[in-house]
Amino acid sequence: MTVSITRREELPDLPFRRYRKLPNPVTAVQLTALEDVSNPFAVGSYHGKPGDWRIVYGTRPDGSIDTAICDGDIFARTYEHLDGDQYRKKATVVIEASQLDTPLDIVTLEGPSHGEPGDWLLLGIDGEPYFNSDAFFTANYLPAE
């Protein structure tokens, strides 16, 4: 059975606003083989395929590495190369986001995901949904207006 990606029209009616990511550098490597990464929002783990990118945002407050997977096409359209394995989101990229007030389960491009009240639901450049913690979102995003 194929699981479809949750789209905006399938999501609850939330007060989405437009945001821009601060130009913080990340470490990113393009995958050459299948890879699973641990992420606090993943139900199990996120699944990457060859051509996708593994992004390391830094270290979480608990000391674990903050890692995610990004679709190869989306990565190419949203990130710019700095040097070596360092990249940052392009300044022109605007996403939509809304803070959750109830738990929510979605299916991201990388697999099933679960968000809790206080987490942020983001919609990427193609409307693809994913979650960020409040701490990460407020430290890394500003209103686009």
Protein backbone atom coordinates (compact mmCIF):
# COMPACT_ATOMS: atom_id res chain seq x y z
CA MET A 1 0.00 0.00 0.00
CA THR A 2 1.37 3.42 -0.96
CA VAL A 3 1.01 6.17 1.63
CA SER A 4 0.37 9.64 0.22
CA ILE A 5 1.92 12.82 1.53
CA THR A 6 -0.42 14.96 3.60
CA ARG A 7 -1.33 18.07 1.61
CA ARG A 8 -2.58 21.43 2.85
CA GLU A 9 -6.19 20.71 1.90
CA GLU A 10 -6.08 17.62 4.17
CA LEU A 11 -4.78 19.58 7.17
CA PRO A 12 -6.93 21.16 9.87
CA ASP A 13 -7.84 24.82 9.40
CA LEU A 14 -4.86 26.56 11.02
CA PRO A 15 -3.83 30.25 11.02
CA PHE A 16 -0.82 29.96 8.69
CA ARG A 17 1.54 32.94 8.33
CA ARG A 18 4.54 33.46 6.06
CA TYR A 19 8.09 33.14 7.46
CA ARG A 20 11.69 33.33 6.31
CA LYS A 21 14.52 31.24 7.76
CA LEU A 22 17.48 33.09 9.23
CA PRO A 23 20.64 32.51 7.14
CA ASN A 24 22.20 30.06 9.59
CA PRO A 25 24.63 27.59 7.99
CA VAL A 26 23.91 23.86 8.09
CA THR A 27 26.02 20.84 7.22
CA ALA A 28 24.53 18.82 4.37
CA VAL A 29 25.56 15.71 2.45
CA GLN A 30 23.79 14.20 -0.55
CA LEU A 31 22.85 10.56 0.00
CA THR A 32 24.21 7.85 -2.30
CA ALA A 33 22.32 5.01 -0.59
CA LEU A 34 19.17 4.49 1.46
CA GLU A 35 19.53 5.99 4.93
CA ASP A 36 17.30 6.33 7.99
CA VAL A 37 17.79 9.19 10.44
CA SER A 38 16.42 9.68 13.90
CA ASN A 39 14.25 12.77 14.41
CA PRO A 40 12.02 13.62 17.39
CA PHE A 41 9.00 14.10 15.12
CA ALA A 42 9.46 10.88 13.15
CA VAL A 43 7.25 7.91 13.94
CA GLY A 44 10.19 5.48 13.86
CA SER A 45 12.75 7.27 11.68
CA TYR A 46 12.83 9.37 8.52
CA HIS A 47 13.80 7.58 5.33
CA GLY A 48 16.18 9.06 2.78
CA LYS A 49 16.91 7.72 -0.69
CA PRO A 50 19.84 8.33 -3.05
CA GLY A 51 19.69 11.95 -4.24
CA ASP A 52 18.10 13.23 -1.01
CA TRP A 53 20.17 15.28 1.43
CA ARG A 54 20.99 14.60 5.11
CA ILE A 55 21.04 17.95 6.90
CA VAL A 56 22.64 18.51 10.31
CA TYR A 57 21.34 21.62 12.05
CA GLY A 58 23.51 21.28 15.15
CA THR A 59 23.02 19.79 18.58
CA ARG A 60 19.70 19.55 20.42
CA PRO A 61 19.38 20.60 24.08
CA ASP A 62 19.57 16.91 25.09
CA GLY A 63 22.98 16.59 23.36
CA SER A 64 21.75 14.55 20.38
CA ILE A 65 22.49 15.61 16.81
CA ASP A 66 19.64 17.51 15.11
CA THR A 67 19.39 15.73 11.75
CA ALA A 68 16.77 15.68 8.99
CA ILE A 69 16.32 14.44 5.43
CA CYS A 70 15.39 16.74 2.53
CA ASP A 71 14.20 15.74 -0.94
CA GLY A 72 16.95 16.38 -3.52
CA ASP A 73 14.84 18.64 -5.77
CA ILE A 74 13.55 20.69 -2.83
CA PHE A 75 17.07 21.01 -1.42
CA ALA A 76 18.38 22.32 -4.76
CA ARG A 77 15.63 24.96 -4.92
CA THR A 78 15.87 26.12 -1.30
CA TYR A 79 19.55 25.92 -0.26
CA GLU A 80 22.66 27.68 -1.50
CA HIS A 81 26.20 26.33 -1.20
CA LEU A 82 28.60 28.22 1.07
CA ASP A 83 31.77 26.12 1.22
CA GLY A 84 32.61 22.43 1.54
CA ASP A 85 29.60 20.74 3.13
CA GLN A 86 28.12 24.04 4.41
CA TYR A 87 24.83 25.38 3.01
CA ARG A 88 22.12 27.84 4.03
CA LYS A 89 18.52 28.50 3.03
CA LYS A 90 18.19 31.02 0.22
CA ALA A 91 16.95 34.43 1.39
CA THR A 92 14.14 34.33 -1.19
CA VAL A 93 12.56 31.18 0.27
CA VAL A 94 9.32 31.83 2.15
CA ILE A 95 7.37 29.10 3.94
CA GLU A 96 4.06 29.08 5.78
CA ALA A 97 3.78 27.95 9.39
CA SER A 98 1.30 27.68 12.23
CA GLN A 99 1.79 26.70 15.86
CA LEU A 100 -0.20 23.64 16.95
CA ASP A 101 -2.70 23.79 19.80
CA THR A 102 -3.63 20.08 19.50
CA PRO A 103 -1.62 16.95 18.57
CA LEU A 104 -1.37 16.23 14.85
CA ASP A 105 -0.19 13.26 12.79
CA ILE A 106 0.94 13.81 9.19
CA VAL A 107 2.89 11.97 6.53
CA THR A 108 5.95 13.91 5.36
CA LEU A 109 8.08 13.18 2.31
CA GLU A 110 10.34 11.18 4.64
CA GLY A 111 7.67 9.24 6.56
CA PRO A 112 5.03 9.46 9.29
CA SER A 113 5.44 12.33 11.74
CA HIS A 114 3.79 13.46 14.97
CA GLY A 115 3.53 16.98 16.42
CA GLU A 116 2.39 18.08 19.86
CA PRO A 117 0.81 21.35 21.06
CA GLY A 118 3.43 24.10 20.91
CA ASP A 119 5.23 22.54 17.92
CA TRP A 120 5.08 24.29 14.56
CA LEU A 121 3.61 22.83 11.38
CA LEU A 122 5.49 24.20 8.37
CA LEU A 123 4.54 24.01 4.70
CA GLY A 124 7.55 23.97 2.40
CA ILE A 125 7.89 25.46 -1.08
CA ASP A 126 5.73 22.74 -2.64
CA GLY A 127 3.24 22.71 0.25
CA GLU A 128 4.97 19.70 1.84
CA PRO A 129 4.27 19.56 5.59
CA TYR A 130 6.83 19.01 8.35
CA PHE A 131 7.25 19.90 12.02
CA ASN A 132 9.70 22.03 14.02
CA SER A 133 9.89 22.39 17.78
CA ASP A 134 8.97 25.79 19.18
CA ALA A 135 12.56 26.33 20.35
CA PHE A 136 14.00 25.59 16.88
CA PHE A 137 11.34 27.55 15.01
CA THR A 138 11.55 30.72 17.13
CA ALA A 139 15.39 30.66 16.98
CA ASN A 140 15.51 30.17 13.20
CA TYR A 141 12.50 31.89 11.57
CA LEU A 142 11.18 35.44 11.34
CA PRO A 143 7.89 36.71 9.88
CA ALA A 144 8.31 37.38 6.13
CA GLU A 145 6.23 40.58 6.23
